[in-house]
């Protein structure tokens, strides 16, 4: 499984044909297949290519929703 730095994760922002990846609690998920992540944006609040660990508390759903998406790697600790 691949390990991503935050800089590498930012390249997977879902724009210009790039896949949309997000990180949560150390795992990196591919959310490209979700219509809710078109162009790398989700509900105007969340952006692909970012670590959502600190911001998912503000979402109307829990982190269990990410279980629907494949884990493509882990996020490197800083």
PDB file of N, CA and C in Angstrom:
ATOM      1  N   UNK A   1       0.853  -1.179   0.000  1.00  0.00           N
ATOM      2  CA  UNK A   1       0.000   0.000   0.000  1.00  0.00           C
ATOM      3  C   UNK A   1       0.899   1.243   0.000  1.00  0.00           C
ATOM      4  N   UNK A   2       0.486   2.220  -0.736  1.00  0.00           N
ATOM      5  CA  UNK A   2       1.283   3.428  -0.907  1.00  0.00           C
ATOM      6  C   UNK A   2       1.180   4.354   0.313  1.00  0.00           C
ATOM      7  N   UNK A   3       2.264   5.037   0.602  1.00  0.00           N
ATOM      8  CA  UNK A   3       2.275   6.057   1.645  1.00  0.00           C
ATOM      9  C   UNK A   3       2.349   7.420   0.974  1.00  0.00           C
ATOM     10  N   UNK A   4       1.441   8.316   1.348  1.00  0.00           N
ATOM     11  CA  UNK A   4       1.369   9.655   0.771  1.00  0.00           C
ATOM     12  C   UNK A   4       1.886  10.685   1.772  1.00  0.00           C
ATOM     13  N   UNK A   5       2.664  11.637   1.273  1.00  0.00           N
ATOM     14  CA  UNK A   5       2.932  12.831   2.064  1.00  0.00           C
ATOM     15  C   UNK A   5       1.741  13.768   1.834  1.00  0.00           C
ATOM     16  N   UNK A   6       1.627  14.810   2.632  1.00  0.00           N
ATOM     17  CA  UNK A   6       0.535  15.776   2.422  1.00  0.00           C
ATOM     18  C   UNK A   6       0.667  16.469   1.061  1.00  0.00           C
ATOM     19  N   UNK A   7       1.890  16.696   0.644  1.00  0.00           N
ATOM     20  CA  UNK A   7       2.137  17.316  -0.661  1.00  0.00           C
ATOM     21  C   UNK A   7       1.670  16.395  -1.794  1.00  0.00           C
ATOM     22  N   UNK A   8       1.958  15.114  -1.676  1.00  0.00           N
ATOM     23  CA  UNK A   8       1.509  14.165  -2.701  1.00  0.00           C
ATOM     24  C   UNK A   8      -0.010  14.042  -2.702  1.00  0.00           C
ATOM     25  N   UNK A   9      -0.607  13.987  -1.524  1.00  0.00           N
ATOM     26  CA  UNK A   9      -2.066  13.883  -1.424  1.00  0.00           C
ATOM     27  C   UNK A   9      -2.737  15.064  -2.124  1.00  0.00           C
ATOM     28  N   UNK A  10      -2.175  16.245  -1.995  1.00  0.00           N
ATOM     29  CA  UNK A  10      -2.756  17.456  -2.585  1.00  0.00           C
ATOM     30  C   UNK A  10      -2.864  17.365  -4.114  1.00  0.00           C
ATOM     31  N   UNK A  11      -2.036  16.538  -4.742  1.00  0.00           N
ATOM     32  CA  UNK A  11      -2.102  16.376  -6.203  1.00  0.00           C
ATOM     33  C   UNK A  11      -3.361  15.630  -6.632  1.00  0.00           C
ATOM     34  N   UNK A  12      -3.965  14.892  -5.731  1.00  0.00           N
ATOM     35  CA  UNK A  12      -5.163  14.105  -6.043  1.00  0.00           C
ATOM     36  C   UNK A  12      -6.400  14.892  -5.612  1.00  0.00           C
ATOM     37  N   UNK A  13      -6.548  16.040  -6.273  1.00  0.00           N
ATOM     38  CA  UNK A  13      -7.585  16.989  -5.876  1.00  0.00           C
ATOM     39  C   UNK A  13      -8.875  16.866  -6.680  1.00  0.00           C
ATOM     40  N   UNK A  14      -8.943  15.894  -7.595  1.00  0.00           N
ATOM     41  CA  UNK A  14     -10.152  15.678  -8.372  1.00  0.00           C
ATOM     42  C   UNK A  14     -10.373  16.680  -9.503  1.00  0.00           C
ATOM     43  N   UNK A  15      -9.426  17.543  -9.741  1.00  0.00           N
ATOM     44  CA  UNK A  15      -9.570  18.545 -10.803  1.00  0.00           C
ATOM     45  C   UNK A  15      -8.707  18.181 -12.011  1.00  0.00           C
ATOM     46  N   UNK A  16      -9.140  18.619 -13.177  1.00  0.00           N
ATOM     47  CA  UNK A  16      -8.395  18.405 -14.428  1.00  0.00           C
ATOM     48  C   UNK A  16      -8.059  16.934 -14.663  1.00  0.00           C
ATOM     49  N   UNK A  17      -8.993  16.060 -14.348  1.00  0.00           N
ATOM     50  CA  UNK A  17      -8.820  14.636 -14.596  1.00  0.00           C
ATOM     51  C   UNK A  17      -8.079  13.872 -13.518  1.00  0.00           C
ATOM     52  N   UNK A  18      -7.615  14.545 -12.484  1.00  0.00           N
ATOM     53  CA  UNK A  18      -6.912  13.850 -11.391  1.00  0.00           C
ATOM     54  C   UNK A  18      -7.921  13.105 -10.522  1.00  0.00           C
ATOM     55  N   UNK A  19      -7.554  11.946  -9.993  1.00  0.00           N
ATOM     56  CA  UNK A  19      -8.433  11.264  -9.048  1.00  0.00           C
ATOM     57  C   UNK A  19      -8.661  12.122  -7.803  1.00  0.00           C
ATOM     58  N   UNK A  20      -9.745  11.848  -7.107  1.00  0.00           N
ATOM     59  CA  UNK A  20     -10.083  12.583  -5.881  1.00  0.00           C
ATOM     60  C   UNK A  20      -9.804  11.693  -4.676  1.00  0.00           C
ATOM     61  N   UNK A  21      -8.770  12.031  -3.935  1.00  0.00           N
ATOM     62  CA  UNK A  21      -8.408  11.281  -2.723  1.00  0.00           C
ATOM     63  C   UNK A  21      -8.579  12.189  -1.507  1.00  0.00           C
ATOM     64  N   UNK A  22      -9.011  11.605  -0.413  1.00  0.00           N
ATOM     65  CA  UNK A  22      -9.064  12.331   0.861  1.00  0.00           C
ATOM     66  C   UNK A  22      -8.467  11.430   1.935  1.00  0.00           C
ATOM     67  N   UNK A  23      -7.929  12.047   2.958  1.00  0.00           N
ATOM     68  CA  UNK A  23      -7.364  11.286   4.070  1.00  0.00           C
ATOM     69  C   UNK A  23      -8.247  11.453   5.295  1.00  0.00           C
ATOM     70  N   UNK A  24      -8.284  10.403   6.104  1.00  0.00           N
ATOM     71  CA  UNK A  24      -8.995  10.463   7.382  1.00  0.00           C
ATOM     72  C   UNK A  24      -8.325   9.487   8.340  1.00  0.00           C
ATOM     73  N   UNK A  25      -7.879  10.013   9.463  1.00  0.00           N
ATOM     74  CA  UNK A  25      -7.226   9.217  10.512  1.00  0.00           C
ATOM     75  C   UNK A  25      -6.164   8.272   9.960  1.00  0.00           C
ATOM     76  N   UNK A  26      -5.344   8.798   9.069  1.00  0.00           N
ATOM     77  CA  UNK A  26      -4.196   8.051   8.574  1.00  0.00           C
ATOM     78  C   UNK A  26      -4.421   7.244   7.316  1.00  0.00           C
ATOM     79  N   UNK A  27      -5.668   6.995   6.935  1.00  0.00           N
ATOM     80  CA  UNK A  27      -5.954   6.275   5.698  1.00  0.00           C
ATOM     81  C   UNK A  27      -6.280   7.258   4.579  1.00  0.00           C
ATOM     82  N   UNK A  28      -5.919   6.890   3.347  1.00  0.00           N
ATOM     83  CA  UNK A  28      -6.241   7.697   2.174  1.00  0.00           C
ATOM     84  C   UNK A  28      -7.288   6.935   1.363  1.00  0.00           C
ATOM     85  N   UNK A  29      -8.406   7.607   1.104  1.00  0.00           N
ATOM     86  CA  UNK A  29      -9.543   6.995   0.405  1.00  0.00           C
ATOM     87  C   UNK A  29      -9.681   7.604  -0.989  1.00  0.00           C
ATOM     88  N   UNK A  30     -10.078   6.769  -1.948  1.00  0.00           N
ATOM     89  CA  UNK A  30     -10.372   7.232  -3.302  1.00  0.00           C
ATOM     90  C   UNK A  30     -11.874   7.476  -3.402  1.00  0.00           C
ATOM     91  N   UNK A  31     -12.271   8.746  -3.449  1.00  0.00           N
ATOM     92  CA  UNK A  31     -13.692   9.106  -3.528  1.00  0.00           C
ATOM     93  C   UNK A  31     -14.079   9.524  -4.946  1.00  0.00           C
ATOM     94  N   UNK A  32     -13.224   9.208  -5.913  1.00  0.00           N
ATOM     95  CA  UNK A  32     -13.450   9.612  -7.304  1.00  0.00           C
ATOM     96  C   UNK A  32     -14.781   9.117  -7.860  1.00  0.00           C
ATOM     97  N   UNK A  33     -15.240   7.976  -7.411  1.00  0.00           N
ATOM     98  CA  UNK A  33     -16.462   7.389  -7.956  1.00  0.00           C
ATOM     99  C   UNK A  33     -17.738   7.991  -7.416  1.00  0.00           C
ATOM    100  N   UNK A  34     -17.648   8.875  -6.471  1.00  0.00           N
ATOM    101  CA  UNK A  34     -18.842   9.462  -5.870  1.00  0.00           C
ATOM    102  C   UNK A  34     -19.280  10.717  -6.606  1.00  0.00           C
ATOM    103  N   UNK A  35     -20.566  10.780  -6.975  1.00  0.00           N
ATOM    104  CA  UNK A  35     -21.073  12.000  -7.624  1.00  0.00           C
ATOM    105  C   UNK A  35     -21.049  13.181  -6.656  1.00  0.00           C
ATOM    106  N   UNK A  36     -20.921  12.921  -5.383  1.00  0.00           N
ATOM    107  CA  UNK A  36     -20.876  13.995  -4.388  1.00  0.00           C
ATOM    108  C   UNK A  36     -19.498  14.659  -4.298  1.00  0.00           C
ATOM    109  N   UNK A  37     -18.531  14.133  -5.043  1.00  0.00           N
ATOM    110  CA  UNK A  37     -17.174  14.689  -5.049  1.00  0.00           C
ATOM    111  C   UNK A  37     -16.774  15.177  -6.429  1.00  0.00           C
ATOM    112  N   UNK A  38     -17.723  15.636  -7.228  1.00  0.00           N
ATOM    113  CA  UNK A  38     -17.404  16.137  -8.569  1.00  0.00           C
ATOM    114  C   UNK A  38     -16.434  17.312  -8.480  1.00  0.00           C
ATOM    115  N   UNK A  39     -15.487  17.275  -9.380  1.00  0.00           N
ATOM    116  CA  UNK A  39     -14.462  18.331  -9.446  1.00  0.00           C
ATOM    117  C   UNK A  39     -13.722  18.507  -8.116  1.00  0.00           C
ATOM    118  N   UNK A  40     -13.718  17.463  -7.298  1.00  0.00           N
ATOM    119  CA  UNK A  40     -12.949  17.487  -6.058  1.00  0.00           C
ATOM    120  C   UNK A  40     -13.548  18.283  -4.924  1.00  0.00           C
ATOM    121  N   UNK A  41     -14.828  18.645  -5.055  1.00  0.00           N
ATOM    122  CA  UNK A  41     -15.485  19.400  -3.978  1.00  0.00           C
ATOM    123  C   UNK A  41     -16.667  18.610  -3.443  1.00  0.00           C
ATOM    124  N   UNK A  42     -16.868  18.724  -2.154  1.00  0.00           N
ATOM    125  CA  UNK A  42     -17.987  18.054  -1.508  1.00  0.00           C
ATOM    126  C   UNK A  42     -18.710  19.064  -0.619  1.00  0.00           C
ATOM    127  N   UNK A  43     -19.925  19.387  -1.016  1.00  0.00           N
ATOM    128  CA  UNK A  43     -20.775  20.296  -0.230  1.00  0.00           C
ATOM    129  C   UNK A  43     -20.109  21.645   0.057  1.00  0.00           C
ATOM    130  N   UNK A  44     -19.269  22.104  -0.814  1.00  0.00           N
ATOM    131  CA  UNK A  44     -18.603  23.401  -0.717  1.00  0.00           C
ATOM    132  C   UNK A  44     -17.659  23.494   0.490  1.00  0.00           C
ATOM    133  N   UNK A  45     -17.678  22.531   1.353  1.00  0.00           N
ATOM    134  CA  UNK A  45     -16.878  22.584   2.581  1.00  0.00           C
ATOM    135  C   UNK A  45     -15.581  21.791   2.442  1.00  0.00           C
ATOM    136  N   UNK A  46     -15.681  20.604   1.896  1.00  0.00           N
ATOM    137  CA  UNK A  46     -14.535  19.695   1.846  1.00  0.00           C
ATOM    138  C   UNK A  46     -13.938  19.652   0.443  1.00  0.00           C
ATOM    139  N   UNK A  47     -12.635  19.480   0.390  1.00  0.00           N
ATOM    140  CA  UNK A  47     -11.928  19.431  -0.887  1.00  0.00           C
ATOM    141  C   UNK A  47     -11.065  18.180  -0.933  1.00  0.00           C
ATOM    142  N   UNK A  48     -11.052  17.547  -2.108  1.00  0.00           N
ATOM    143  CA  UNK A  48     -10.184  16.395  -2.320  1.00  0.00           C
ATOM    144  C   UNK A  48      -8.730  16.859  -2.252  1.00  0.00           C
ATOM    145  N   UNK A  49      -7.862  15.937  -1.871  1.00  0.00           N
ATOM    146  CA  UNK A  49      -6.453  16.262  -1.731  1.00  0.00           C
ATOM    147  C   UNK A  49      -6.098  16.740  -0.337  1.00  0.00           C
ATOM    148  N   UNK A  50      -7.080  16.669   0.572  1.00  0.00           N
ATOM    149  CA  UNK A  50      -6.856  17.164   1.932  1.00  0.00           C
ATOM    150  C   UNK A  50      -7.089  16.061   2.973  1.00  0.00           C
ATOM    151  N   UNK A  51      -6.560  16.303   4.143  1.00  0.00           N
ATOM    152  CA  UNK A  51      -6.805  15.437   5.295  1.00  0.00           C
ATOM    153  C   UNK A  51      -8.062  15.955   5.998  1.00  0.00           C
ATOM    154  N   UNK A  52      -9.105  15.146   6.066  1.00  0.00           N
ATOM    155  CA  UNK A  52     -10.388  15.554   6.644  1.00  0.00           C
ATOM    156  C   UNK A  52     -10.501  15.206   8.126  1.00  0.00           C
ATOM    157  N   UNK A  53      -9.448  14.720   8.712  1.00  0.00           N
ATOM    158  CA  UNK A  53      -9.505  14.264  10.097  1.00  0.00           C
ATOM    159  C   UNK A  53     -10.045  15.340  11.036  1.00  0.00           C
ATOM    160  N   UNK A  54      -9.612  16.560  10.872  1.00  0.00           N
ATOM    161  CA  UNK A  54     -10.047  17.627  11.762  1.00  0.00           C
ATOM    162  C   UNK A  54     -11.366  18.264  11.397  1.00  0.00           C
ATOM    163  N   UNK A  55     -11.839  18.036  10.177  1.00  0.00           N
ATOM    164  CA  UNK A  55     -13.038  18.748   9.730  1.00  0.00           C
ATOM    165  C   UNK A  55     -14.273  17.882   9.592  1.00  0.00           C
ATOM    166  N   UNK A  56     -14.137  16.591   9.676  1.00  0.00           N
ATOM    167  CA  UNK A  56     -15.304  15.719   9.491  1.00  0.00           C
ATOM    168  C   UNK A  56     -16.310  15.843  10.632  1.00  0.00           C
ATOM    169  N   UNK A  57     -15.889  16.392  11.745  1.00  0.00           N
ATOM    170  CA  UNK A  57     -16.828  16.610  12.858  1.00  0.00           C
ATOM    171  C   UNK A  57     -17.957  17.553  12.464  1.00  0.00           C
ATOM    172  N   UNK A  58     -17.733  18.380  11.442  1.00  0.00           N
ATOM    173  CA  UNK A  58     -18.734  19.355  11.012  1.00  0.00           C
ATOM    174  C   UNK A  58     -19.654  18.803   9.930  1.00  0.00           C
ATOM    175  N   UNK A  59     -19.418  17.568   9.502  1.00  0.00           N
ATOM    176  CA  UNK A  59     -20.245  16.960   8.455  1.00  0.00           C
ATOM    177  C   UNK A  59     -21.541  16.398   9.068  1.00  0.00           C
ATOM    178  N   UNK A  60     -22.615  16.340   8.265  1.00  0.00           N
ATOM    179  CA  UNK A  60     -23.875  15.798   8.774  1.00  0.00           C
ATOM    180  C   UNK A  60     -23.881  14.266   8.856  1.00  0.00           C
ATOM    181  N   UNK A  61     -22.771  13.636   8.530  1.00  0.00           N
ATOM    182  CA  UNK A  61     -22.652  12.179   8.617  1.00  0.00           C
ATOM    183  C   UNK A  61     -21.363  11.832   9.338  1.00  0.00           C
ATOM    184  N   UNK A  62     -21.241  10.599   9.730  1.00  0.00           N
ATOM    185  CA  UNK A  62     -20.044  10.153  10.421  1.00  0.00           C
ATOM    186  C   UNK A  62     -18.976   9.637   9.474  1.00  0.00           C
ATOM    187  N   UNK A  63     -17.853   9.291  10.042  1.00  0.00           N
ATOM    188  CA  UNK A  63     -16.721   8.793   9.261  1.00  0.00           C
ATOM    189  C   UNK A  63     -17.001   7.436   8.631  1.00  0.00           C
ATOM    190  N   UNK A  64     -18.026   6.718   9.128  1.00  0.00           N
ATOM    191  CA  UNK A  64     -18.340   5.399   8.579  1.00  0.00           C
ATOM    192  C   UNK A  64     -18.675   5.469   7.095  1.00  0.00           C
ATOM    193  N   UNK A  65     -19.090   6.621   6.609  1.00  0.00           N
ATOM    194  CA  UNK A  65     -19.403   6.786   5.190  1.00  0.00           C
ATOM    195  C   UNK A  65     -18.176   6.524   4.318  1.00  0.00           C
ATOM    196  N   UNK A  66     -16.999   6.807   4.840  1.00  0.00           N
ATOM    197  CA  UNK A  66     -15.774   6.575   4.069  1.00  0.00           C
ATOM    198  C   UNK A  66     -15.505   5.097   3.838  1.00  0.00           C
ATOM    199  N   UNK A  67     -16.139   4.224   4.623  1.00  0.00           N
ATOM    200  CA  UNK A  67     -15.953   2.785   4.434  1.00  0.00           C
ATOM    201  C   UNK A  67     -16.456   2.315   3.070  1.00  0.00           C
ATOM    202  N   UNK A  68     -17.257   3.130   2.398  1.00  0.00           N
ATOM    203  CA  UNK A  68     -17.778   2.783   1.074  1.00  0.00           C
ATOM    204  C   UNK A  68     -16.730   2.927  -0.026  1.00  0.00           C
ATOM    205  N   UNK A  69     -15.628   3.577   0.307  1.00  0.00           N
ATOM    206  CA  UNK A  69     -14.630   3.894  -0.707  1.00  0.00           C
ATOM    207  C   UNK A  69     -13.347   3.104  -0.471  1.00  0.00           C
ATOM    208  N   UNK A  70     -12.638   2.779  -1.563  1.00  0.00           N
ATOM    209  CA  UNK A  70     -11.403   2.006  -1.390  1.00  0.00           C
ATOM    210  C   UNK A  70     -10.292   2.811  -0.711  1.00  0.00           C
ATOM    211  N   UNK A  71      -9.574   2.128   0.150  1.00  0.00           N
ATOM    212  CA  UNK A  71      -8.380   2.720   0.762  1.00  0.00           C
ATOM    213  C   UNK A  71      -7.232   2.495  -0.222  1.00  0.00           C
ATOM    214  N   UNK A  72      -6.582   3.586  -0.616  1.00  0.00           N
ATOM    215  CA  UNK A  72      -5.502   3.490  -1.595  1.00  0.00           C
ATOM    216  C   UNK A  72      -4.132   3.716  -0.975  1.00  0.00           C
ATOM    217  N   UNK A  73      -4.104   4.022   0.320  1.00  0.00           N
ATOM    218  CA  UNK A  73      -2.824   4.226   0.962  1.00  0.00           C
ATOM    219  C   UNK A  73      -2.977   4.773   2.362  1.00  0.00           C
ATOM    220  N   UNK A  74      -1.845   5.194   2.894  1.00  0.00           N
ATOM    221  CA  UNK A  74      -1.824   5.803   4.221  1.00  0.00           C
ATOM    222  C   UNK A  74      -1.162   7.163   4.112  1.00  0.00           C
ATOM    223  N   UNK A  75      -1.516   8.043   5.036  1.00  0.00           N
ATOM    224  CA  UNK A  75      -0.940   9.386   5.064  1.00  0.00           C
ATOM    225  C   UNK A  75       0.239   9.383   6.019  1.00  0.00           C
ATOM    226  N   UNK A  76       1.368   9.840   5.518  1.00  0.00           N
ATOM    227  CA  UNK A  76       2.602   9.894   6.301  1.00  0.00           C
ATOM    228  C   UNK A  76       2.440  10.873   7.464  1.00  0.00           C
ATOM    229  N   UNK A  77       2.887  10.459   8.614  1.00  0.00           N
ATOM    230  CA  UNK A  77       2.869  11.340   9.790  1.00  0.00           C
ATOM    231  C   UNK A  77       3.877  12.455   9.595  1.00  0.00           C
ATOM    232  N   UNK A  78       3.589  13.610  10.134  1.00  0.00           N
ATOM    233  CA  UNK A  78       4.537  14.729  10.031  1.00  0.00           C
ATOM    234  C   UNK A  78       5.428  14.786  11.237  1.00  0.00           C
TER     235      UNK A  78
END
